[in-house]
């Protein structure tokens, strides 16, 4: 018999026990654990929120540029359903108010494509918890939702700094180019009215890929901003050390690295100089480029062991899989696809050199779930320096987070994990993402309590550690 439609179908119900276990006994335990951590501060040590938003504290422009355009999780599913990225404002220099409204209509009209996804959880939490909106996104409700959000973000209560405070963010890190002058971070540091903590993150990937067409120009820029001659391999190293020191002086706590593989291996100095010279001459092959890049990553680890910046590593992604989209819209628009990655052999040279060094810390991420229990957790379970990064990107959804805990806890326990990483450009989704993880971890711990593998006191202590103690330790906060 067909289900009859009622007026209540248009009402958004955000259940207080969402994502907690369904079995009543487990749910009761999980609810107690969740209640103990739900209001703890947010620590966000890896993300992509523009620091200018907080430095200048200007009002957000419109609901689309705030909630849709910067969130490639949202964009990629719409794109897969036939929506043009251009119609969502991606890489558009000029986007009229009518275009912004139409993009929001496209999202709401295609809302069913998000069923079962974490994006549905995040977006509905934003509507209900941030804006107090109880309308389900649809073609019919799109304009009403848009107008209510537009009205809210025009008020002082919804400017970036006010939301930072309202979201109870203790620390947030951005992602920054080594040549960046960090003016927005410096502005925040010198602002007596600013009470938050926003740190830059050193992201040198482009400068470590010598076989790419842009590399020589980037290395020239690196030399200019560092005041070091980058014509030689030794000069490149000195310039990198200079920029890392600049970042650390301005609050950085980590560097971030993402390449096609995790290999980090030192070349003989003479071979490194030879390959570097070939790269500067534009003559290096792709195989030689890989060898030099792996040496560059090894040198970043060596620098980390000396300057203390935590090294985060998340390889194993085919970047910009659809070349026409990359050429039209640029990077980071949802076109990156996971691939298999190997860690045990790839990291052995690095960890043999620095794995027990007192100042070295490495956080390993993966979107290849197979290596969690096989390689990543055992590495963290042996090396004092190694931490297991949170489920990231394609696996930061409910079922994958549960699988993550089940896969790693036996080998690495809870203390050698990084805490949750939201990795987002979508500022307003940060509380929802962290909340989702707290709910799922509470459910996992509840099962251990019910199995009499943890006492309730141990579970409560662990739940607190997962939210605040672990990220502070893993990122040396």
Protein backbone atom coordinates (compact mmCIF):
# COMPACT_ATOMS: atom_id res chain seq x y z
CA UNK A 1 0.00 0.00 0.00
CA UNK A 2 1.40 3.40 -0.94
CA UNK A 3 2.49 5.60 1.93
CA UNK A 4 0.40 8.74 2.23
CA UNK A 5 2.15 12.10 2.30
CA UNK A 6 1.44 14.34 5.27
CA UNK A 7 2.34 17.88 6.18
CA UNK A 8 4.93 16.51 8.61
CA UNK A 9 6.99 15.18 5.69
CA UNK A 10 8.40 18.67 5.17
CA UNK A 11 9.57 18.98 8.79
CA UNK A 12 13.21 18.24 9.53
CA UNK A 13 13.57 15.88 12.50
CA UNK A 14 17.10 15.78 13.92
CA UNK A 15 16.90 12.99 16.51
CA UNK A 16 18.88 13.52 19.73
CA UNK A 17 20.06 9.87 19.66
CA UNK A 18 21.11 9.80 16.01
CA UNK A 19 24.06 7.50 15.31
CA UNK A 20 23.95 5.97 18.79
CA UNK A 21 23.46 2.16 18.97
CA UNK A 22 19.93 0.92 18.39
CA UNK A 23 19.93 -1.75 21.11
CA UNK A 24 18.33 -0.09 24.17
CA UNK A 25 20.95 -1.19 26.70
CA UNK A 26 23.84 -0.08 24.52
CA UNK A 27 22.08 3.16 23.67
CA UNK A 28 21.71 4.00 27.36
CA UNK A 29 25.45 3.51 27.95
CA UNK A 30 26.40 5.39 24.77
CA UNK A 31 24.11 8.27 25.68
CA UNK A 32 25.85 8.69 29.02
CA UNK A 33 29.25 8.66 27.33
CA UNK A 34 28.15 11.09 24.63
CA UNK A 35 26.61 13.46 27.18
CA UNK A 36 29.98 13.57 28.94
CA UNK A 37 31.85 14.77 25.81
CA UNK A 38 29.35 16.52 23.57
CA UNK A 39 30.13 19.98 24.96
CA UNK A 40 33.92 19.63 25.10
CA UNK A 41 35.88 22.10 22.97
CA UNK A 42 36.63 21.40 19.32
CA UNK A 43 40.27 20.86 18.40
CA UNK A 44 40.77 20.98 14.64
CA UNK A 45 44.46 20.44 13.85
CA UNK A 46 44.05 19.92 10.10
CA UNK A 47 41.65 21.82 7.87
CA UNK A 48 41.28 24.34 5.08
CA UNK A 49 39.20 27.21 6.44
CA UNK A 50 40.68 30.45 5.00
CA UNK A 51 42.42 32.38 7.81
CA UNK A 52 41.25 35.63 6.20
CA UNK A 53 37.70 34.85 7.30
CA UNK A 54 38.71 35.12 10.94
CA UNK A 55 41.35 37.82 10.48
CA UNK A 56 38.99 40.23 8.71
CA UNK A 57 35.73 38.94 10.28
CA UNK A 58 33.69 40.04 7.29
CA UNK A 59 30.11 38.77 6.92
CA UNK A 60 29.62 35.72 4.73
CA UNK A 61 28.33 36.64 1.30
CA UNK A 62 25.46 34.23 0.63
CA UNK A 63 24.29 30.72 1.60
CA UNK A 64 25.79 29.11 -1.50
CA UNK A 65 29.33 30.47 -1.11
CA UNK A 66 29.18 29.51 2.57
CA UNK A 67 27.64 26.04 2.48
CA UNK A 68 28.01 24.64 -1.03
CA UNK A 69 30.85 26.09 -3.09
CA UNK A 70 33.71 25.35 -0.62
CA UNK A 71 32.48 21.85 0.23
CA UNK A 72 33.69 19.43 -2.42
CA UNK A 73 31.94 16.56 -0.62
CA UNK A 74 28.66 18.26 -1.48
CA UNK A 75 29.73 19.27 -4.98
CA UNK A 76 31.00 15.91 -6.16
CA UNK A 77 27.71 14.08 -5.58
CA UNK A 78 25.76 16.80 -7.34
CA UNK A 79 28.26 16.62 -10.19
CA UNK A 80 27.77 12.85 -10.36
CA UNK A 81 24.05 13.51 -10.76
CA UNK A 82 24.61 15.75 -13.77
CA UNK A 83 24.90 19.18 -12.15
CA UNK A 84 27.61 21.40 -13.59
CA UNK A 85 30.28 22.56 -11.15
CA UNK A 86 30.01 26.00 -12.73
CA UNK A 87 26.37 26.17 -11.65
CA UNK A 88 27.51 25.57 -8.05
CA UNK A 89 29.89 28.54 -8.13
CA UNK A 90 33.07 26.45 -8.31
CA UNK A 91 35.97 28.54 -9.68
CA UNK A 92 33.59 31.31 -10.72
CA UNK A 93 35.06 34.79 -10.35
CA UNK A 94 31.65 36.41 -10.60
CA UNK A 95 28.55 34.71 -9.25
CA UNK A 96 25.36 36.75 -9.22
CA UNK A 97 22.75 36.60 -6.45
CA UNK A 98 20.40 34.79 -8.80
CA UNK A 99 23.09 32.24 -9.67
CA UNK A 100 23.77 31.69 -5.97
CA UNK A 101 20.08 31.11 -5.31
CA UNK A 102 19.81 28.74 -8.26
CA UNK A 103 22.77 26.70 -6.97
CA UNK A 104 20.97 26.29 -3.66
CA UNK A 105 17.85 25.17 -5.54
CA UNK A 106 19.94 22.55 -7.34
CA UNK A 107 21.17 21.19 -4.00
CA UNK A 108 17.71 21.05 -2.46
CA UNK A 109 16.09 19.58 -5.58
CA UNK A 110 18.65 16.78 -5.59
CA UNK A 111 18.57 16.20 -1.83
CA UNK A 112 17.73 12.49 -2.16
CA UNK A 113 21.23 11.76 -3.58
CA UNK A 114 22.63 12.38 -0.08
CA UNK A 115 20.54 9.74 1.66
CA UNK A 116 22.77 7.49 3.74
CA UNK A 117 25.79 9.78 3.40
CA UNK A 118 27.63 11.78 6.06
CA UNK A 119 26.86 14.91 4.05
CA UNK A 120 23.19 14.51 4.92
CA UNK A 121 24.05 14.32 8.62
CA UNK A 122 26.32 17.39 8.43
CA UNK A 123 23.95 19.53 6.39
CA UNK A 124 20.88 18.71 8.45
CA UNK A 125 22.84 19.40 11.63
CA UNK A 126 23.86 22.78 10.21
CA UNK A 127 20.27 23.64 9.34
CA UNK A 128 18.87 22.58 12.71
CA UNK A 129 21.67 23.37 15.17
CA UNK A 130 23.27 26.43 13.59
CA UNK A 131 20.31 28.13 11.92
CA UNK A 132 17.31 26.67 13.77
CA UNK A 133 15.69 25.62 10.49
CA UNK A 134 13.26 22.71 10.56
CA UNK A 135 12.56 22.40 6.83
CA UNK A 136 13.66 19.37 4.84
CA UNK A 137 15.60 20.47 1.73
CA UNK A 138 13.49 20.07 -1.40
CA UNK A 139 12.60 21.94 -4.56
CA UNK A 140 9.65 23.45 -2.70
CA UNK A 141 11.58 24.51 0.42
CA UNK A 142 14.79 25.73 -1.27
CA UNK A 143 13.93 29.43 -1.42
CA UNK A 144 12.59 29.53 2.14
CA UNK A 145 15.74 27.85 3.51
CA UNK A 146 17.96 30.12 1.43
CA UNK A 147 16.20 33.26 2.66
CA UNK A 148 16.41 32.25 6.32
CA UNK A 149 20.12 31.50 6.05
CA UNK A 150 20.75 34.74 4.13
CA UNK A 151 18.93 36.69 6.82
CA UNK A 152 20.92 35.02 9.60
CA UNK A 153 24.39 35.51 8.09
CA UNK A 154 23.74 39.22 7.69
CA UNK A 155 23.68 39.58 11.48
CA UNK A 156 26.69 40.01 13.80
CA UNK A 157 25.94 36.69 15.51
CA UNK A 158 26.85 34.82 12.32
CA UNK A 159 30.13 36.51 11.49
CA UNK A 160 33.18 34.20 11.52
CA UNK A 161 34.57 35.19 14.92
CA UNK A 162 31.20 34.94 16.62
CA UNK A 163 30.70 31.46 15.16
CA UNK A 164 34.22 30.41 16.19
CA UNK A 165 33.29 31.28 19.78
CA UNK A 166 29.80 29.78 19.53
CA UNK A 167 31.19 26.51 18.14
CA UNK A 168 33.54 26.30 21.16
CA UNK A 169 36.62 25.92 18.98
CA UNK A 170 39.78 25.74 21.05
CA UNK A 171 42.26 25.43 18.18
CA UNK A 172 42.06 25.37 14.40
CA UNK A 173 44.82 24.92 11.84
CA UNK A 174 44.71 26.11 8.25
CA UNK A 175 46.70 24.77 5.29
CA UNK A 176 49.25 27.13 3.77
CA UNK A 177 51.76 27.34 0.95
CA UNK A 178 55.44 27.54 2.03
CA UNK A 179 55.76 30.87 0.18
CA UNK A 180 52.77 32.40 1.97
CA UNK A 181 53.55 35.53 3.97
CA UNK A 182 51.01 34.42 6.63
CA UNK A 183 49.68 37.97 6.85
CA UNK A 184 46.29 36.85 8.12
CA UNK A 185 47.81 34.73 10.89
CA UNK A 186 50.07 37.61 11.85
CA UNK A 187 47.09 39.96 11.90
CA UNK A 188 45.23 37.64 14.27
CA UNK A 189 48.26 37.24 16.51
CA UNK A 190 48.60 41.01 16.82
CA UNK A 191 44.89 41.67 17.38
CA UNK A 192 44.22 42.26 21.11
CA UNK A 193 40.51 41.63 20.58
CA UNK A 194 41.08 38.11 19.21
CA UNK A 195 41.03 35.34 21.82
CA UNK A 196 41.09 32.25 19.62
CA UNK A 197 43.92 30.13 18.28
CA UNK A 198 44.46 29.76 14.53
CA UNK A 199 47.72 28.19 13.34
CA UNK A 200 49.18 27.81 9.86
CA UNK A 201 50.20 24.40 8.52
CA UNK A 202 53.24 23.96 6.29
CA UNK A 203 52.08 22.22 3.06
CA UNK A 204 55.05 21.83 0.67
CA UNK A 205 53.69 19.16 -1.73
CA UNK A 206 54.07 21.19 -4.93
CA UNK A 207 57.69 21.98 -4.08
CA UNK A 208 58.49 18.27 -3.64
CA UNK A 209 57.39 17.10 -7.12
CA UNK A 210 60.35 17.92 -9.40
CA UNK A 211 58.95 16.21 -12.50
CA UNK A 212 55.90 18.50 -12.71
CA UNK A 213 55.85 21.45 -15.14
CA UNK A 214 55.27 24.06 -12.41
CA UNK A 215 58.10 22.93 -10.14
CA UNK A 216 60.90 25.16 -11.41
CA UNK A 217 58.80 28.31 -11.09
CA UNK A 218 57.74 27.32 -7.59
CA UNK A 219 61.32 26.71 -6.53
CA UNK A 220 62.29 30.14 -7.91
CA UNK A 221 59.56 31.65 -5.72
CA UNK A 222 60.81 29.62 -2.76
CA UNK A 223 64.22 31.15 -3.25
CA UNK A 224 62.81 34.66 -3.45
CA UNK A 225 60.77 34.47 -0.25
CA UNK A 226 63.50 32.70 1.73
CA UNK A 227 66.40 34.79 0.43
CA UNK A 228 68.26 31.58 -0.40
CA UNK A 229 69.68 30.56 -3.78
CA UNK A 230 67.66 27.49 -4.79
CA UNK A 231 69.84 26.71 -7.79
CA UNK A 232 71.28 23.71 -5.98
CA UNK A 233 69.95 20.84 -3.91
CA UNK A 234 71.68 22.25 -0.83
CA UNK A 235 70.01 25.59 -1.53
CA UNK A 236 66.60 23.92 -1.75
CA UNK A 237 67.16 22.33 1.66
CA UNK A 238 68.26 25.63 3.20
CA UNK A 239 65.24 27.41 1.74
CA UNK A 240 62.87 24.79 3.12
CA UNK A 241 64.46 25.03 6.55
CA UNK A 242 64.08 28.82 6.38
CA UNK A 243 60.37 28.65 5.55
CA UNK A 244 59.64 25.98 8.14
CA UNK A 245 61.27 28.21 10.76
CA UNK A 246 59.13 31.14 9.60
CA UNK A 247 55.98 29.05 9.91
CA UNK A 248 56.95 27.81 13.36
CA UNK A 249 57.66 31.37 14.51
CA UNK A 250 54.11 32.21 13.45
CA UNK A 251 52.40 29.40 15.33
CA UNK A 252 52.62 26.34 13.05
CA UNK A 253 52.58 22.99 14.82
CA UNK A 254 52.66 20.63 11.83
CA UNK A 255 53.53 20.03 8.21
CA UNK A 256 51.21 18.18 5.85
CA UNK A 257 52.22 15.87 2.99
CA UNK A 258 50.20 14.08 0.32
CA UNK A 259 51.82 12.25 -2.58
CA UNK A 260 50.91 9.19 -4.62
CA UNK A 261 52.93 6.91 -2.32
CA UNK A 262 54.35 7.06 1.19
CA UNK A 263 57.97 6.26 0.33
CA UNK A 264 60.57 8.46 2.03
CA UNK A 265 64.16 7.46 1.31
CA UNK A 266 67.43 9.36 1.34
CA UNK A 267 69.60 9.49 -1.78
CA UNK A 268 73.37 9.81 -1.73
CA UNK A 269 74.21 13.51 -1.68
CA UNK A 270 75.91 13.32 -5.08
CA UNK A 271 72.93 11.56 -6.65
CA UNK A 272 70.53 14.05 -5.11
CA UNK A 273 72.55 16.95 -6.51
CA UNK A 274 72.65 15.28 -9.93
CA UNK A 275 68.90 14.71 -10.08
CA UNK A 276 68.23 18.19 -8.72
CA UNK A 277 70.35 19.70 -11.49
CA UNK A 278 68.43 17.67 -14.09
CA UNK A 279 65.17 18.89 -12.60
CA UNK A 280 66.28 22.52 -12.69
CA UNK A 281 67.27 22.01 -16.33
CA UNK A 282 63.83 20.57 -17.10
CA UNK A 283 65.36 17.22 -18.08
CA UNK A 284 64.32 14.93 -15.21
CA UNK A 285 62.27 11.81 -16.02
CA UNK A 286 59.18 10.79 -14.06
CA UNK A 287 61.09 7.88 -12.48
CA UNK A 288 63.94 10.18 -11.46
CA UNK A 289 61.39 12.68 -10.21
CA UNK A 290 59.86 10.04 -7.94
CA UNK A 291 63.27 9.17 -6.52
CA UNK A 292 64.09 12.82 -5.82
CA UNK A 293 60.64 13.47 -4.36
CA UNK A 294 61.09 10.56 -1.95
CA UNK A 295 64.40 12.08 -0.89
CA UNK A 296 62.66 15.45 -0.42
CA UNK A 297 60.06 13.81 1.85
CA UNK A 298 62.85 12.14 3.82
CA UNK A 299 64.48 15.56 4.25
CA UNK A 300 61.17 16.94 5.52
CA UNK A 301 61.16 14.16 8.13
CA UNK A 302 64.73 15.00 9.08
CA UNK A 303 63.76 18.66 9.46
CA UNK A 304 60.75 17.63 11.57
CA UNK A 305 63.02 15.68 13.90
CA UNK A 306 64.99 18.90 14.41
CA UNK A 307 62.36 21.67 14.45
CA UNK A 308 59.61 19.63 16.13
CA UNK A 309 56.83 20.25 13.61
CA UNK A 310 54.53 17.22 13.63
CA UNK A 311 54.57 15.46 10.24
CA UNK A 312 51.22 14.35 8.88
CA UNK A 313 51.16 12.01 5.92
CA UNK A 314 48.19 11.11 3.74
CA UNK A 315 49.27 9.59 0.42
CA UNK A 316 47.35 7.29 -1.89
CA UNK A 317 45.14 9.59 -3.94
CA UNK A 318 44.85 9.98 -7.70
CA UNK A 319 44.57 13.75 -7.82
CA UNK A 320 42.33 15.54 -10.32
CA UNK A 321 41.16 12.30 -11.89
CA UNK A 322 39.10 14.06 -14.59
CA UNK A 323 41.58 16.21 -16.49
CA UNK A 324 38.97 18.43 -18.23
CA UNK A 325 37.46 19.36 -14.85
CA UNK A 326 40.90 20.15 -13.47
CA UNK A 327 41.70 22.34 -16.47
CA UNK A 328 38.39 24.19 -16.13
CA UNK A 329 37.93 24.44 -12.37
CA UNK A 330 41.32 23.70 -10.82
CA UNK A 331 42.18 21.36 -7.96
CA UNK A 332 40.13 20.43 -4.89
CA UNK A 333 36.72 20.26 -6.52
CA UNK A 334 35.93 16.64 -5.66
CA UNK A 335 37.78 14.90 -8.49
CA UNK A 336 40.36 13.09 -6.34
CA UNK A 337 39.98 9.29 -6.17
CA UNK A 338 41.44 6.89 -3.57
CA UNK A 339 43.99 4.25 -4.52
CA UNK A 340 45.80 1.46 -2.70
CA UNK A 341 48.78 2.52 -0.59
CA UNK A 342 51.58 0.64 1.20
CA UNK A 343 53.22 1.86 4.41
CA UNK A 344 55.33 -0.82 6.10
CA UNK A 345 58.14 -0.94 3.52
CA UNK A 346 57.64 2.62 2.33
CA UNK A 347 58.19 4.16 5.77
CA UNK A 348 60.98 1.85 6.94
CA UNK A 349 63.85 4.17 5.84
CA UNK A 350 62.22 7.18 7.51
CA UNK A 351 61.31 5.39 10.72
CA UNK A 352 64.66 3.64 10.95
CA UNK A 353 66.24 7.08 10.90
CA UNK A 354 63.76 9.06 13.02
CA UNK A 355 61.13 6.71 14.45
CA UNK A 356 62.60 6.78 17.95
CA UNK A 357 63.96 10.33 17.80
CA UNK A 358 62.59 12.25 20.82
CA UNK A 359 61.45 15.29 18.81
CA UNK A 360 59.84 13.45 15.88
CA UNK A 361 56.10 12.74 15.58
CA UNK A 362 54.29 11.30 12.57
CA UNK A 363 50.52 11.07 12.08
CA UNK A 364 49.58 8.55 9.36
CA UNK A 365 46.30 8.86 7.49
CA UNK A 366 44.87 6.53 4.89
CA UNK A 367 41.81 6.14 2.73
CA UNK A 368 42.79 2.55 1.99
CA UNK A 369 40.99 0.75 4.81
CA UNK A 370 42.88 -2.49 4.21
CA UNK A 371 46.07 -1.09 5.74
CA UNK A 372 44.58 0.08 9.04
CA UNK A 373 44.94 -3.23 10.85
CA UNK A 374 47.67 -4.67 8.64
CA UNK A 375 50.20 -1.81 8.71
CA UNK A 376 49.21 1.51 10.25
CA UNK A 377 48.04 0.33 13.68
CA UNK A 378 51.02 -2.02 14.18
CA UNK A 379 53.40 0.81 13.27
CA UNK A 380 51.75 3.06 15.87
CA UNK A 381 51.78 0.14 18.30
CA UNK A 382 55.57 -0.02 18.16
CA UNK A 383 57.03 3.38 17.31
CA UNK A 384 56.73 6.06 20.04
CA UNK A 385 56.61 8.71 17.30
CA UNK A 386 53.75 7.26 15.24
CA UNK A 387 50.05 8.04 15.65
CA UNK A 388 47.11 6.66 13.70
CA UNK A 389 45.29 9.47 11.95
CA UNK A 390 41.51 9.67 11.98
CA UNK A 391 39.31 8.27 9.19
CA UNK A 392 39.78 10.79 6.47
CA UNK A 393 37.88 12.02 3.46
CA UNK A 394 36.13 9.10 1.75
CA UNK A 395 36.02 7.08 4.97
CA UNK A 396 35.01 9.74 7.50
CA UNK A 397 31.47 8.39 7.55
CA UNK A 398 29.65 6.46 10.23
CA UNK A 399 30.26 2.86 9.19
CA UNK A 400 33.89 3.51 8.24
CA UNK A 401 34.63 5.18 11.57
CA UNK A 402 33.25 2.12 13.36
CA UNK A 403 35.42 -0.14 11.18
CA UNK A 404 38.42 2.09 11.94
CA UNK A 405 38.07 1.65 15.70
CA UNK A 406 37.55 -2.10 15.34
CA UNK A 407 40.59 -2.41 13.05
CA UNK A 408 43.14 -0.45 15.04
CA UNK A 409 42.28 -0.68 18.72
CA UNK A 410 43.68 -4.17 19.25
CA UNK A 411 47.14 -3.14 17.99
CA UNK A 412 47.37 0.57 18.80
CA UNK A 413 44.85 1.04 21.59
CA UNK A 414 43.17 4.41 22.01
CA UNK A 415 46.10 6.54 23.15
CA UNK A 416 48.04 6.32 19.87
CA UNK A 417 45.28 7.88 17.77
CA UNK A 418 45.19 11.49 16.61
CA UNK A 419 41.73 12.61 17.64
CA UNK A 420 39.17 13.57 15.01
CA UNK A 421 40.30 15.49 11.91
CA UNK A 422 37.59 17.38 10.01
CA UNK A 423 39.79 18.33 7.02
CA UNK A 424 37.23 20.81 5.72
CA UNK A 425 36.83 24.12 3.95
CA UNK A 426 33.19 24.25 5.05
CA UNK A 427 33.44 26.22 8.30
CA UNK A 428 29.86 25.72 9.43
CA UNK A 429 30.11 21.94 9.10
CA UNK A 430 32.94 21.64 11.65
CA UNK A 431 30.71 21.17 14.74
CA UNK A 432 28.56 18.59 12.94
CA UNK A 433 31.56 16.59 11.80
CA UNK A 434 33.09 16.48 15.28
CA UNK A 435 29.69 15.69 16.80
CA UNK A 436 29.24 12.75 14.45
CA UNK A 437 32.57 11.30 15.50
CA UNK A 438 31.83 11.77 19.21
CA UNK A 439 28.55 9.90 18.82
CA UNK A 440 30.13 6.99 16.97
CA UNK A 441 33.05 6.68 19.39
CA UNK A 442 30.55 6.72 22.27
CA UNK A 443 28.77 3.78 20.65
CA UNK A 444 32.02 1.87 20.20
CA UNK A 445 33.01 2.40 23.82
CA UNK A 446 29.51 1.41 24.95
CA UNK A 447 29.98 -1.99 23.34
CA UNK A 448 33.23 -2.50 25.25
CA UNK A 449 31.44 -1.60 28.50
CA UNK A 450 28.59 -3.99 27.70
CA UNK A 451 31.12 -6.73 26.93
CA UNK A 452 32.79 -6.06 30.31
CA UNK A 453 36.04 -5.17 28.54
CA UNK A 454 35.97 -1.65 30.00
CA UNK A 455 34.44 -0.28 33.16
CA UNK A 456 32.21 2.73 32.79
CA UNK A 457 34.85 4.89 34.46
CA UNK A 458 37.45 3.71 31.96
CA UNK A 459 35.10 4.39 29.06
CA UNK A 460 34.31 7.90 30.30
CA UNK A 461 38.00 8.66 30.69
CA UNK A 462 38.74 7.28 27.21
CA UNK A 463 35.90 9.25 25.62
CA UNK A 464 37.37 12.45 27.06
CA UNK A 465 40.86 11.53 25.84
CA UNK A 466 39.66 10.86 22.29
CA UNK A 467 38.17 14.35 22.06
CA UNK A 468 40.79 16.55 23.71
CA UNK A 469 43.80 14.72 25.20
CA UNK A 470 44.79 12.78 22.07
CA UNK A 471 44.84 15.68 19.58
CA UNK A 472 46.72 17.85 22.05
CA UNK A 473 49.36 15.14 22.43
CA UNK A 474 49.54 14.04 18.79
CA UNK A 475 49.94 17.63 17.56
CA UNK A 476 52.00 18.92 20.50
CA UNK A 477 49.44 21.57 21.42
